[in-house]
Amino acid sequence: MNDFHFYEPATGHGLPHDPFKAIIAPRPIGWVSTLSAGGVPNLAPYSFFNAVCETPPIVVFSSSGPKDSLANVEATGEFVWNMATRALAEAMNATSAAVPPETDEFALAGLETAPSRLVAPPRVSASPASLECRLLQIVALHGLDGQLTASRLVIGQVVGVHIDRAFLRDGLFDTGAAHPIMRAGYRDDYVEATPETMFKMTRPGAPV
């Protein structure tokens, strides 16, 4: 019989570090670019990001506290998600620094920008895929006790998709070739998707 460690988050985990993020892993990185109301570019990675709807395509990211990205999306209603890859890992990490709102994180990390088509915020030029998004809503998250948390869930609809043609194989985006990185484990832990780590498995009853 397996021996399980059980705890209730409300009363503490009893471990050296909170295992929640290590269990919910890997998680896509929400590398989000925005523009302030005054036109200052901002670029920041978010640990909690994912796609939640296919038609229409909808993505979400969660901001813990009143960060610049959240303020910019509130002001402009637009953001861009950029795929973080192994080649861009150090630059992505540099954009996580706590800097004043007037700081351009693209310049800080030595990243070139690329123009978007339908929204104002720029894209990360070297990213193999980017999603232009318009804000649907911002949700203030509450706990079971009804108390407001510090987190705000940003929900956006994808209105434009950019794909580097170098990563298209027979019309399919080659995820492994792009080497996306994801959060996995504790504060410093990441994982990389590669052609060698990917595998195929067809759902029962799926069309051939």
N, C-alpha and C. Protein backbone atom coordinates (compact mmCIF):
# COMPACT_ATOMS: atom_id res chain seq x y z
N MET A 1 0.83 -1.19 0.00
CA MET A 1 0.00 0.00 0.00
C MET A 1 0.88 1.26 0.00
N ASN A 2 0.54 2.23 -0.85
CA ASN A 2 1.31 3.46 -0.93
C ASN A 2 1.16 4.29 0.34
N ASP A 3 2.24 4.96 0.70
CA ASP A 3 2.25 5.83 1.87
C ASP A 3 2.19 7.28 1.37
N PHE A 4 1.08 7.99 1.62
CA PHE A 4 0.87 9.33 1.11
C PHE A 4 1.01 10.37 2.23
N HIS A 5 1.65 11.46 1.88
CA HIS A 5 1.66 12.64 2.75
C HIS A 5 0.40 13.44 2.41
N PHE A 6 -0.43 13.70 3.39
CA PHE A 6 -1.66 14.47 3.17
C PHE A 6 -1.63 15.72 4.02
N TYR A 7 -2.12 16.82 3.43
CA TYR A 7 -2.25 18.04 4.22
C TYR A 7 -3.40 18.87 3.68
N GLU A 8 -3.89 19.76 4.50
CA GLU A 8 -4.89 20.73 4.09
C GLU A 8 -4.17 22.08 3.92
N PRO A 9 -4.23 22.67 2.72
CA PRO A 9 -3.51 23.93 2.50
C PRO A 9 -3.82 25.00 3.54
N ALA A 10 -5.02 25.02 4.06
CA ALA A 10 -5.40 26.05 5.03
C ALA A 10 -4.63 25.93 6.34
N THR A 11 -4.12 24.72 6.65
CA THR A 11 -3.42 24.53 7.91
C THR A 11 -1.92 24.28 7.74
N GLY A 12 -1.43 24.30 6.49
CA GLY A 12 0.00 24.17 6.25
C GLY A 12 0.39 22.80 5.70
N HIS A 13 1.47 22.79 4.91
CA HIS A 13 1.90 21.56 4.23
C HIS A 13 2.90 20.75 5.05
N GLY A 14 3.56 21.34 6.02
CA GLY A 14 4.50 20.61 6.86
C GLY A 14 5.75 20.14 6.14
N LEU A 15 6.07 20.74 5.00
CA LEU A 15 7.24 20.38 4.22
C LEU A 15 8.18 21.58 4.13
N PRO A 16 9.43 21.39 3.68
CA PRO A 16 10.36 22.51 3.60
C PRO A 16 9.86 23.65 2.70
N HIS A 17 9.15 23.29 1.62
CA HIS A 17 8.62 24.29 0.70
C HIS A 17 7.24 23.83 0.22
N ASP A 18 6.39 24.78 -0.12
CA ASP A 18 5.05 24.48 -0.61
C ASP A 18 5.14 23.67 -1.91
N PRO A 19 4.57 22.45 -1.96
CA PRO A 19 4.71 21.60 -3.14
C PRO A 19 3.69 21.87 -4.24
N PHE A 20 2.75 22.82 -4.03
CA PHE A 20 1.65 23.01 -4.97
C PHE A 20 2.13 23.22 -6.40
N LYS A 21 3.06 24.16 -6.59
CA LYS A 21 3.53 24.45 -7.95
C LYS A 21 4.34 23.29 -8.53
N ALA A 22 4.99 22.51 -7.67
CA ALA A 22 5.75 21.36 -8.16
C ALA A 22 4.83 20.24 -8.62
N ILE A 23 3.65 20.17 -8.03
CA ILE A 23 2.68 19.13 -8.40
C ILE A 23 1.96 19.52 -9.69
N ILE A 24 1.53 20.77 -9.79
CA ILE A 24 0.85 21.25 -11.00
C ILE A 24 1.93 21.67 -11.99
N ALA A 25 2.53 20.68 -12.65
CA ALA A 25 3.66 20.95 -13.53
C ALA A 25 3.75 19.84 -14.60
N PRO A 26 4.31 20.17 -15.76
CA PRO A 26 4.78 21.50 -16.15
C PRO A 26 3.64 22.43 -16.51
N ARG A 27 3.93 23.73 -16.43
CA ARG A 27 2.93 24.75 -16.76
C ARG A 27 3.51 25.66 -17.84
N PRO A 28 2.72 25.94 -18.89
CA PRO A 28 3.20 26.89 -19.90
C PRO A 28 3.50 28.24 -19.26
N ILE A 29 4.48 28.92 -19.82
CA ILE A 29 4.87 30.24 -19.30
C ILE A 29 4.08 31.31 -20.04
N GLY A 30 3.44 32.18 -19.28
CA GLY A 30 2.72 33.29 -19.88
C GLY A 30 3.66 34.46 -20.10
N TRP A 31 4.41 34.45 -21.20
CA TRP A 31 5.35 35.53 -21.49
C TRP A 31 4.56 36.62 -22.20
N VAL A 32 4.12 37.60 -21.44
CA VAL A 32 3.10 38.54 -21.89
C VAL A 32 3.70 39.91 -22.19
N SER A 33 3.45 40.41 -23.39
CA SER A 33 3.87 41.77 -23.74
C SER A 33 2.65 42.67 -23.79
N THR A 34 2.84 43.89 -23.27
CA THR A 34 1.76 44.88 -23.21
C THR A 34 2.35 46.26 -23.50
N LEU A 35 1.46 47.23 -23.63
CA LEU A 35 1.86 48.63 -23.73
C LEU A 35 1.13 49.40 -22.64
N SER A 36 1.82 50.33 -22.00
CA SER A 36 1.16 51.18 -21.02
C SER A 36 0.28 52.18 -21.76
N ALA A 37 -0.55 52.88 -21.02
CA ALA A 37 -1.39 53.91 -21.63
C ALA A 37 -0.54 54.98 -22.30
N GLY A 38 0.68 55.16 -21.80
CA GLY A 38 1.60 56.14 -22.38
C GLY A 38 2.48 55.59 -23.47
N GLY A 39 2.30 54.30 -23.81
CA GLY A 39 3.05 53.72 -24.91
C GLY A 39 4.36 53.05 -24.55
N VAL A 40 4.62 52.80 -23.26
CA VAL A 40 5.85 52.14 -22.83
C VAL A 40 5.68 50.63 -22.94
N PRO A 41 6.55 49.93 -23.70
CA PRO A 41 6.44 48.47 -23.81
C PRO A 41 6.77 47.79 -22.49
N ASN A 42 6.07 46.69 -22.22
CA ASN A 42 6.33 45.88 -21.03
C ASN A 42 6.33 44.42 -21.44
N LEU A 43 7.21 43.64 -20.85
CA LEU A 43 7.30 42.21 -21.14
C LEU A 43 7.61 41.48 -19.85
N ALA A 44 6.76 40.50 -19.49
CA ALA A 44 6.94 39.80 -18.22
C ALA A 44 6.42 38.38 -18.32
N PRO A 45 7.09 37.43 -17.65
CA PRO A 45 6.62 36.04 -17.62
C PRO A 45 5.69 35.79 -16.44
N TYR A 46 4.68 34.97 -16.68
CA TYR A 46 3.71 34.62 -15.63
C TYR A 46 3.68 33.10 -15.47
N SER A 47 3.78 32.67 -14.22
CA SER A 47 3.85 31.24 -13.90
C SER A 47 2.53 30.53 -14.13
N PHE A 48 1.43 31.27 -13.99
CA PHE A 48 0.11 30.66 -14.20
C PHE A 48 -0.50 31.18 -15.49
N PHE A 49 -0.45 30.34 -16.53
CA PHE A 49 -0.97 30.69 -17.85
C PHE A 49 -1.45 29.41 -18.52
N ASN A 50 -2.51 29.53 -19.33
CA ASN A 50 -2.93 28.38 -20.13
C ASN A 50 -4.02 28.77 -21.11
N ALA A 51 -4.31 27.85 -22.02
CA ALA A 51 -5.45 27.97 -22.93
C ALA A 51 -6.64 27.31 -22.27
N VAL A 52 -7.82 27.94 -22.37
CA VAL A 52 -8.99 27.39 -21.68
C VAL A 52 -10.18 27.19 -22.61
N CYS A 53 -10.07 27.61 -23.86
CA CYS A 53 -11.18 27.44 -24.80
C CYS A 53 -10.60 27.38 -26.21
N GLU A 54 -11.18 26.50 -27.04
CA GLU A 54 -10.69 26.33 -28.41
C GLU A 54 -11.43 27.22 -29.40
N THR A 55 -12.77 27.29 -29.25
CA THR A 55 -13.58 28.06 -30.20
C THR A 55 -14.53 28.98 -29.43
N PRO A 56 -14.25 30.28 -29.38
CA PRO A 56 -13.05 30.93 -29.92
C PRO A 56 -11.84 30.63 -29.04
N PRO A 57 -10.64 30.81 -29.57
CA PRO A 57 -9.46 30.55 -28.74
C PRO A 57 -9.34 31.58 -27.61
N ILE A 58 -9.29 31.08 -26.38
CA ILE A 58 -9.21 31.95 -25.20
C ILE A 58 -8.06 31.48 -24.32
N VAL A 59 -7.28 32.43 -23.84
CA VAL A 59 -6.17 32.13 -22.93
C VAL A 59 -6.35 32.94 -21.65
N VAL A 60 -5.68 32.49 -20.59
CA VAL A 60 -5.74 33.20 -19.31
C VAL A 60 -4.35 33.27 -18.69
N PHE A 61 -4.13 34.32 -17.93
CA PHE A 61 -2.96 34.34 -17.05
C PHE A 61 -3.36 35.03 -15.75
N SER A 62 -2.68 34.65 -14.69
CA SER A 62 -3.02 35.17 -13.37
C SER A 62 -1.89 36.05 -12.85
N SER A 63 -2.26 37.27 -12.45
CA SER A 63 -1.30 38.21 -11.90
C SER A 63 -1.48 38.26 -10.39
N SER A 64 -0.41 37.95 -9.68
CA SER A 64 -0.46 38.00 -8.21
C SER A 64 -0.06 39.40 -7.77
N GLY A 65 -1.05 40.22 -7.52
CA GLY A 65 -0.79 41.60 -7.15
C GLY A 65 -0.90 42.54 -8.34
N PRO A 66 -0.87 43.84 -8.09
CA PRO A 66 -1.06 44.85 -9.14
C PRO A 66 0.21 45.10 -9.94
N LYS A 67 0.55 44.19 -10.83
CA LYS A 67 1.77 44.32 -11.61
C LYS A 67 1.52 45.15 -12.87
N ASP A 68 2.63 45.52 -13.54
CA ASP A 68 2.54 46.41 -14.70
C ASP A 68 1.70 45.80 -15.83
N SER A 69 1.87 44.51 -16.07
CA SER A 69 1.10 43.88 -17.15
C SER A 69 -0.40 44.02 -16.90
N LEU A 70 -0.81 43.77 -15.67
CA LEU A 70 -2.22 43.89 -15.32
C LEU A 70 -2.71 45.32 -15.53
N ALA A 71 -1.95 46.28 -15.05
CA ALA A 71 -2.34 47.68 -15.22
C ALA A 71 -2.45 48.06 -16.68
N ASN A 72 -1.52 47.55 -17.49
CA ASN A 72 -1.52 47.88 -18.92
C ASN A 72 -2.72 47.26 -19.63
N VAL A 73 -3.03 46.01 -19.29
CA VAL A 73 -4.18 45.35 -19.92
C VAL A 73 -5.47 46.05 -19.50
N GLU A 74 -5.56 46.44 -18.24
CA GLU A 74 -6.73 47.18 -17.77
C GLU A 74 -6.91 48.48 -18.55
N ALA A 75 -5.78 49.13 -18.85
CA ALA A 75 -5.84 50.44 -19.51
C ALA A 75 -6.10 50.34 -21.00
N THR A 76 -5.57 49.28 -21.65
CA THR A 76 -5.62 49.22 -23.11
C THR A 76 -6.50 48.11 -23.66
N GLY A 77 -6.73 47.05 -22.85
CA GLY A 77 -7.54 45.93 -23.30
C GLY A 77 -6.84 45.00 -24.27
N GLU A 78 -5.49 45.05 -24.30
CA GLU A 78 -4.75 44.22 -25.27
C GLU A 78 -3.50 43.63 -24.63
N PHE A 79 -3.10 42.45 -25.12
CA PHE A 79 -1.81 41.86 -24.75
C PHE A 79 -1.41 40.83 -25.79
N VAL A 80 -0.15 40.43 -25.74
CA VAL A 80 0.37 39.41 -26.65
C VAL A 80 1.07 38.34 -25.83
N TRP A 81 0.76 37.08 -26.13
CA TRP A 81 1.51 35.98 -25.52
C TRP A 81 2.60 35.56 -26.48
N ASN A 82 3.81 35.36 -25.95
CA ASN A 82 4.97 34.94 -26.75
C ASN A 82 5.51 33.62 -26.21
N MET A 83 5.74 32.66 -27.08
CA MET A 83 6.28 31.37 -26.63
C MET A 83 7.71 31.54 -26.14
N ALA A 84 7.96 31.08 -24.92
CA ALA A 84 9.31 31.08 -24.35
C ALA A 84 9.98 29.77 -24.71
N THR A 85 11.18 29.84 -25.25
CA THR A 85 11.90 28.65 -25.68
C THR A 85 13.22 28.53 -24.92
N ARG A 86 13.90 27.39 -25.11
CA ARG A 86 15.19 27.20 -24.43
C ARG A 86 16.19 28.26 -24.87
N ALA A 87 16.17 28.61 -26.15
CA ALA A 87 17.10 29.61 -26.65
C ALA A 87 16.81 31.00 -26.07
N LEU A 88 15.58 31.23 -25.65
CA LEU A 88 15.18 32.53 -25.11
C LEU A 88 15.06 32.51 -23.59
N ALA A 89 15.45 31.41 -22.95
CA ALA A 89 15.23 31.24 -21.51
C ALA A 89 15.88 32.34 -20.68
N GLU A 90 17.14 32.65 -20.97
CA GLU A 90 17.83 33.66 -20.16
C GLU A 90 17.20 35.04 -20.35
N ALA A 91 16.80 35.35 -21.58
CA ALA A 91 16.14 36.63 -21.84
C ALA A 91 14.79 36.68 -21.14
N MET A 92 14.05 35.57 -21.19
CA MET A 92 12.76 35.50 -20.50
C MET A 92 12.95 35.73 -19.01
N ASN A 93 13.97 35.11 -18.45
CA ASN A 93 14.23 35.25 -17.02
C ASN A 93 14.58 36.70 -16.68
N ALA A 94 15.31 37.37 -17.56
CA ALA A 94 15.69 38.76 -17.32
C ALA A 94 14.47 39.66 -17.25
N THR A 95 13.43 39.31 -18.00
CA THR A 95 12.22 40.15 -18.01
C THR A 95 11.37 39.96 -16.75
N SER A 96 11.77 39.03 -15.88
CA SER A 96 11.03 38.83 -14.64
C SER A 96 11.50 39.76 -13.53
N ALA A 97 12.53 40.55 -13.80
CA ALA A 97 13.09 41.45 -12.78
C ALA A 97 12.06 42.50 -12.36
N ALA A 98 12.07 42.84 -11.09
CA ALA A 98 11.20 43.89 -10.57
C ALA A 98 11.83 45.25 -10.89
N VAL A 99 11.28 45.93 -11.87
CA VAL A 99 11.83 47.20 -12.34
C VAL A 99 10.71 48.25 -12.39
N PRO A 100 11.05 49.52 -12.44
CA PRO A 100 10.02 50.58 -12.49
C PRO A 100 9.14 50.46 -13.74
N PRO A 101 7.91 50.95 -13.68
CA PRO A 101 6.97 50.83 -14.80
C PRO A 101 7.47 51.45 -16.10
N GLU A 102 8.34 52.45 -16.00
CA GLU A 102 8.83 53.11 -17.22
C GLU A 102 9.95 52.33 -17.91
N THR A 103 10.33 51.16 -17.35
CA THR A 103 11.38 50.34 -17.94
C THR A 103 10.85 49.51 -19.09
N ASP A 104 11.57 49.51 -20.20
CA ASP A 104 11.24 48.69 -21.35
C ASP A 104 11.99 47.36 -21.19
N GLU A 105 11.25 46.29 -20.87
CA GLU A 105 11.90 44.99 -20.63
C GLU A 105 12.46 44.37 -21.91
N PHE A 106 11.94 44.74 -23.05
CA PHE A 106 12.54 44.27 -24.31
C PHE A 106 13.99 44.75 -24.38
N ALA A 107 14.19 46.04 -24.13
CA ALA A 107 15.54 46.60 -24.15
C ALA A 107 16.38 46.02 -23.02
N LEU A 108 15.77 45.86 -21.85
CA LEU A 108 16.48 45.32 -20.69
C LEU A 108 17.06 43.94 -20.98
N ALA A 109 16.29 43.11 -21.69
CA ALA A 109 16.72 41.74 -21.98
C ALA A 109 17.43 41.60 -23.32
N GLY A 110 17.59 42.71 -24.04
CA GLY A 110 18.27 42.66 -25.34
C GLY A 110 17.45 41.96 -26.41
N LEU A 111 16.13 42.11 -26.35
CA LEU A 111 15.24 41.45 -27.29
C LEU A 111 14.75 42.41 -28.36
N GLU A 112 14.70 41.95 -29.59
CA GLU A 112 14.13 42.74 -30.66
C GLU A 112 12.62 42.58 -30.66
N THR A 113 11.93 43.64 -30.99
CA THR A 113 10.47 43.59 -31.09
C THR A 113 10.05 43.36 -32.53
N ALA A 114 8.83 42.88 -32.69
CA ALA A 114 8.20 42.75 -34.01
C ALA A 114 6.80 43.32 -33.87
N PRO A 115 6.30 43.98 -34.91
CA PRO A 115 4.97 44.58 -34.80
C PRO A 115 3.87 43.53 -34.82
N SER A 116 2.82 43.79 -34.09
CA SER A 116 1.62 42.96 -34.17
C SER A 116 0.76 43.48 -35.31
N ARG A 117 -0.26 42.71 -35.68
CA ARG A 117 -1.14 43.11 -36.78
C ARG A 117 -2.41 43.80 -36.30
N LEU A 118 -3.02 43.25 -35.22
CA LEU A 118 -4.35 43.69 -34.81
C LEU A 118 -4.38 44.36 -33.46
N VAL A 119 -3.29 44.27 -32.70
CA VAL A 119 -3.21 44.92 -31.40
C VAL A 119 -1.94 45.76 -31.36
N ALA A 120 -1.86 46.67 -30.40
CA ALA A 120 -0.73 47.60 -30.32
C ALA A 120 0.54 47.01 -29.70
N PRO A 121 0.45 46.16 -28.66
CA PRO A 121 1.68 45.66 -28.04
C PRO A 121 2.55 44.90 -29.04
N PRO A 122 3.87 45.07 -28.96
CA PRO A 122 4.77 44.36 -29.86
C PRO A 122 4.95 42.90 -29.45
N ARG A 123 5.49 42.14 -30.38
CA ARG A 123 5.81 40.74 -30.13
C ARG A 123 7.31 40.59 -29.87
N VAL A 124 7.69 39.43 -29.31
CA VAL A 124 9.10 39.07 -29.23
C VAL A 124 9.49 38.51 -30.59
N SER A 125 10.35 39.21 -31.30
CA SER A 125 10.68 38.85 -32.67
C SER A 125 11.21 37.42 -32.80
N ALA A 126 12.03 36.99 -31.83
CA ALA A 126 12.67 35.67 -31.91
C ALA A 126 11.78 34.53 -31.45
N SER A 127 10.61 34.83 -30.93
CA SER A 127 9.71 33.77 -30.47
C SER A 127 9.11 33.05 -31.67
N PRO A 128 9.06 31.71 -31.66
CA PRO A 128 8.52 30.97 -32.81
C PRO A 128 7.02 31.09 -32.98
N ALA A 129 6.30 31.54 -31.94
CA ALA A 129 4.85 31.69 -32.05
C ALA A 129 4.38 32.74 -31.06
N SER A 130 3.44 33.56 -31.51
CA SER A 130 2.87 34.59 -30.64
C SER A 130 1.37 34.68 -30.88
N LEU A 131 0.64 35.05 -29.83
CA LEU A 131 -0.81 35.17 -29.91
C LEU A 131 -1.22 36.59 -29.55
N GLU A 132 -1.85 37.28 -30.49
CA GLU A 132 -2.39 38.60 -30.21
C GLU A 132 -3.74 38.43 -29.52
N CYS A 133 -3.94 39.13 -28.41
CA CYS A 133 -5.15 38.92 -27.61
C CYS A 133 -5.82 40.24 -27.26
N ARG A 134 -7.16 40.17 -27.18
CA ARG A 134 -7.95 41.29 -26.68
C ARG A 134 -8.66 40.84 -25.41
N LEU A 135 -8.73 41.74 -24.45
CA LEU A 135 -9.27 41.42 -23.13
C LEU A 135 -10.76 41.10 -23.18
N LEU A 136 -11.14 40.01 -22.53
CA LEU A 136 -12.54 39.68 -22.33
C LEU A 136 -13.00 40.14 -20.95
N GLN A 137 -12.25 39.76 -19.93
CA GLN A 137 -12.57 40.21 -18.58
C GLN A 137 -11.42 39.97 -17.64
N ILE A 138 -11.43 40.69 -16.54
CA ILE A 138 -10.48 40.49 -15.44
C ILE A 138 -11.29 40.07 -14.23
N VAL A 139 -10.94 38.92 -13.67
CA VAL A 139 -11.70 38.35 -12.56
C VAL A 139 -10.88 38.45 -11.27
N ALA A 140 -11.45 39.06 -10.26
CA ALA A 140 -10.83 39.08 -8.93
C ALA A 140 -11.12 37.74 -8.27
N LEU A 141 -10.09 37.01 -7.89
CA LEU A 141 -10.25 35.67 -7.35
C LEU A 141 -10.51 35.70 -5.84
N HIS A 142 -11.51 34.91 -5.42
CA HIS A 142 -11.86 34.78 -4.00
C HIS A 142 -11.63 33.35 -3.54
N GLY A 143 -11.39 33.16 -2.26
CA GLY A 143 -11.28 31.84 -1.69
C GLY A 143 -12.62 31.34 -1.20
N LEU A 144 -12.65 30.11 -0.66
CA LEU A 144 -13.89 29.54 -0.12
C LEU A 144 -14.46 30.37 1.02
N ASP A 145 -13.57 31.08 1.69
CA ASP A 145 -14.03 31.91 2.81
C ASP A 145 -14.62 33.24 2.34
N GLY A 146 -14.63 33.44 1.03
CA GLY A 146 -15.18 34.67 0.49
C GLY A 146 -14.21 35.83 0.48
N GLN A 147 -13.02 35.61 1.03
CA GLN A 147 -12.04 36.67 1.09
C GLN A 147 -11.37 36.88 -0.26
N LEU A 148 -11.15 38.11 -0.63
CA LEU A 148 -10.49 38.46 -1.88
C LEU A 148 -9.01 38.12 -1.80
N THR A 149 -8.49 37.42 -2.83
CA THR A 149 -7.06 37.13 -2.88
C THR A 149 -6.33 38.28 -3.56
N ALA A 150 -5.01 38.19 -3.61
CA ALA A 150 -4.21 39.21 -4.29
C ALA A 150 -4.17 38.99 -5.79
N SER A 151 -4.71 37.87 -6.28
CA SER A 151 -4.58 37.50 -7.69
C SER A 151 -5.77 37.97 -8.53
N ARG A 152 -5.45 38.35 -9.75
CA ARG A 152 -6.45 38.72 -10.75
C ARG A 152 -6.26 37.85 -11.97
N LEU A 153 -7.34 37.24 -12.44
CA LEU A 153 -7.28 36.37 -13.61
C LEU A 153 -7.63 37.19 -14.85
N VAL A 154 -6.69 37.26 -15.77
CA VAL A 154 -6.88 38.01 -17.02
C VAL A 154 -7.29 37.02 -18.11
N ILE A 155 -8.44 37.25 -18.71
CA ILE A 155 -8.98 36.36 -19.73
C ILE A 155 -8.99 37.11 -21.06
N GLY A 156 -8.35 36.54 -22.06
CA GLY A 156 -8.26 37.20 -23.35
C GLY A 156 -8.59 36.29 -24.50
N GLN A 157 -9.19 36.84 -25.53
CA GLN A 157 -9.49 36.08 -26.75
C GLN A 157 -8.39 36.32 -27.76
N VAL A 158 -7.92 35.24 -28.36
CA VAL A 158 -6.88 35.32 -29.38
C VAL A 158 -7.49 35.83 -30.68
N VAL A 159 -6.97 36.94 -31.17
CA VAL A 159 -7.50 37.51 -32.41
C VAL A 159 -6.51 37.42 -33.57
N GLY A 160 -5.26 37.06 -33.26
CA GLY A 160 -4.25 36.93 -34.30
C GLY A 160 -3.16 35.97 -33.86
N VAL A 161 -2.67 35.16 -34.78
CA VAL A 161 -1.65 34.16 -34.47
C VAL A 161 -0.47 34.31 -35.42
N HIS A 162 0.74 34.39 -34.87
CA HIS A 162 1.97 34.47 -35.66
C HIS A 162 2.75 33.17 -35.48
N ILE A 163 3.15 32.53 -36.56
CA ILE A 163 3.94 31.31 -36.51
C ILE A 163 5.15 31.47 -37.43
N ASP A 164 6.33 31.27 -36.89
CA ASP A 164 7.55 31.25 -37.70
C ASP A 164 7.47 30.05 -38.63
N ARG A 165 7.52 30.30 -39.94
CA ARG A 165 7.36 29.22 -40.92
C ARG A 165 8.43 28.14 -40.78
N ALA A 166 9.56 28.46 -40.14
CA ALA A 166 10.61 27.47 -39.95
C ALA A 166 10.15 26.31 -39.08
N PHE A 167 9.06 26.53 -38.32
CA PHE A 167 8.57 25.49 -37.42
C PHE A 167 7.29 24.82 -37.93
N LEU A 168 6.96 25.05 -39.18
CA LEU A 168 5.83 24.36 -39.80
C LEU A 168 6.33 23.16 -40.58
N ARG A 169 5.79 21.99 -40.28
CA ARG A 169 6.15 20.76 -40.97
C ARG A 169 4.87 20.17 -41.58
N ASP A 170 4.78 20.18 -42.89
CA ASP A 170 3.58 19.69 -43.58
C ASP A 170 2.32 20.39 -43.04
N GLY A 171 2.45 21.67 -42.75
CA GLY A 171 1.31 22.44 -42.29
C GLY A 171 1.03 22.33 -40.80
N LEU A 172 1.84 21.58 -40.05
CA LEU A 172 1.64 21.40 -38.62
C LEU A 172 2.76 22.11 -37.85
N PHE A 173 2.39 22.78 -36.75
CA PHE A 173 3.41 23.41 -35.92
C PHE A 173 4.20 22.34 -35.19
N ASP A 174 5.51 22.34 -35.34
CA ASP A 174 6.39 21.33 -34.74
C ASP A 174 6.80 21.80 -33.34
N THR A 175 6.02 21.41 -32.35
CA THR A 175 6.25 21.87 -30.99
C THR A 175 7.63 21.48 -30.48
N GLY A 176 8.03 20.23 -30.72
CA GLY A 176 9.33 19.77 -30.24
C GLY A 176 10.48 20.54 -30.83
N ALA A 177 10.39 20.87 -32.11
CA ALA A 177 11.46 21.62 -32.78
C ALA A 177 11.60 23.02 -32.22
N ALA A 178 10.50 23.57 -31.68
CA ALA A 178 10.54 24.91 -31.11
C ALA A 178 11.20 24.93 -29.74
N HIS A 179 11.28 23.79 -29.08
CA HIS A 179 11.89 23.67 -27.75
C HIS A 179 11.27 24.64 -26.73
N PRO A 180 9.94 24.62 -26.58
CA PRO A 180 9.35 25.50 -25.56
C PRO A 180 9.75 25.06 -24.16
N ILE A 181 9.84 26.02 -23.26
CA ILE A 181 10.15 25.70 -21.87
C ILE A 181 8.92 25.98 -21.01
N MET A 182 8.84 25.26 -19.91
CA MET A 182 7.69 25.36 -19.00
C MET A 182 8.18 25.37 -17.57
N ARG A 183 7.36 25.90 -16.68
CA ARG A 183 7.68 25.86 -15.26
C ARG A 183 7.42 24.46 -14.74
N ALA A 184 8.34 23.96 -13.91
CA ALA A 184 8.19 22.60 -13.37
C ALA A 184 8.97 22.51 -12.07
N GLY A 185 8.28 22.17 -10.99
CA GLY A 185 8.98 22.05 -9.72
C GLY A 185 8.92 23.33 -8.92
N TYR A 186 10.04 23.67 -8.30
CA TYR A 186 10.07 24.81 -7.40
C TYR A 186 10.59 26.06 -8.10
N ARG A 187 11.03 27.05 -7.34
CA ARG A 187 11.31 28.38 -7.87
C ARG A 187 12.21 28.40 -9.11
N ASP A 188 13.25 27.57 -9.11
CA ASP A 188 14.24 27.63 -10.18
C ASP A 188 14.10 26.52 -11.21
N ASP A 189 13.03 25.74 -11.15
CA ASP A 189 12.92 24.54 -11.97
C ASP A 189 12.10 24.77 -13.24
N TYR A 190 12.67 24.32 -14.36
CA TYR A 190 12.01 24.40 -15.66
C TYR A 190 12.17 23.06 -16.38
N VAL A 191 11.36 22.86 -17.40
CA VAL A 191 11.48 21.69 -18.24
C VAL A 191 11.37 22.13 -19.69
N GLU A 192 12.03 21.40 -20.58
CA GLU A 192 12.06 21.74 -22.00
C GLU A 192 11.42 20.62 -22.82
N ALA A 193 10.54 20.99 -23.73
CA ALA A 193 9.98 20.01 -24.67
C ALA A 193 10.92 19.89 -25.86
N THR A 194 11.24 18.67 -26.22
CA THR A 194 12.13 18.41 -27.35
C THR A 194 11.53 17.29 -28.20
N PRO A 195 12.03 17.11 -29.43
CA PRO A 195 11.53 15.99 -30.24
C PRO A 195 11.68 14.65 -29.53
N GLU A 196 12.73 14.51 -28.70
CA GLU A 196 13.00 13.24 -28.03
C GLU A 196 12.05 12.99 -26.86
N THR A 197 11.53 14.05 -26.24
CA THR A 197 10.67 13.87 -25.08
C THR A 197 9.19 13.80 -25.43
N MET A 198 8.85 14.08 -26.68
CA MET A 198 7.45 14.05 -27.09
C MET A 198 7.06 12.65 -27.58
N PHE A 199 5.80 12.27 -27.36
CA PHE A 199 5.30 10.99 -27.84
C PHE A 199 3.86 11.13 -28.28
N LYS A 200 3.37 10.17 -29.04
CA LYS A 200 2.01 10.22 -29.57
C LYS A 200 1.14 9.18 -28.88
N MET A 201 -0.12 9.54 -28.65
CA MET A 201 -1.08 8.62 -28.06
C MET A 201 -2.47 9.08 -28.50
N THR A 202 -3.15 8.21 -29.25
CA THR A 202 -4.46 8.57 -29.81
C THR A 202 -5.56 8.25 -28.81
N ARG A 203 -6.50 9.17 -28.66
CA ARG A 203 -7.64 8.95 -27.77
C ARG A 203 -8.53 7.84 -28.30
N PRO A 204 -9.12 7.02 -27.44
CA PRO A 204 -10.03 5.97 -27.90
C PRO A 204 -11.21 6.57 -28.67
N GLY A 205 -11.48 5.99 -29.83
CA GLY A 205 -12.60 6.45 -30.63
C GLY A 205 -12.31 7.63 -31.50
N ALA A 206 -11.08 8.17 -31.42
CA ALA A 206 -10.75 9.33 -32.25
C ALA A 206 -10.65 8.91 -33.70
N PRO A 207 -11.08 9.78 -34.64
CA PRO A 207 -11.00 9.42 -36.07
C PRO A 207 -9.57 9.19 -36.50
N VAL A 208 -9.37 8.25 -37.36
CA VAL A 208 -8.02 7.90 -37.84
C VAL A 208 -7.55 8.95 -38.83
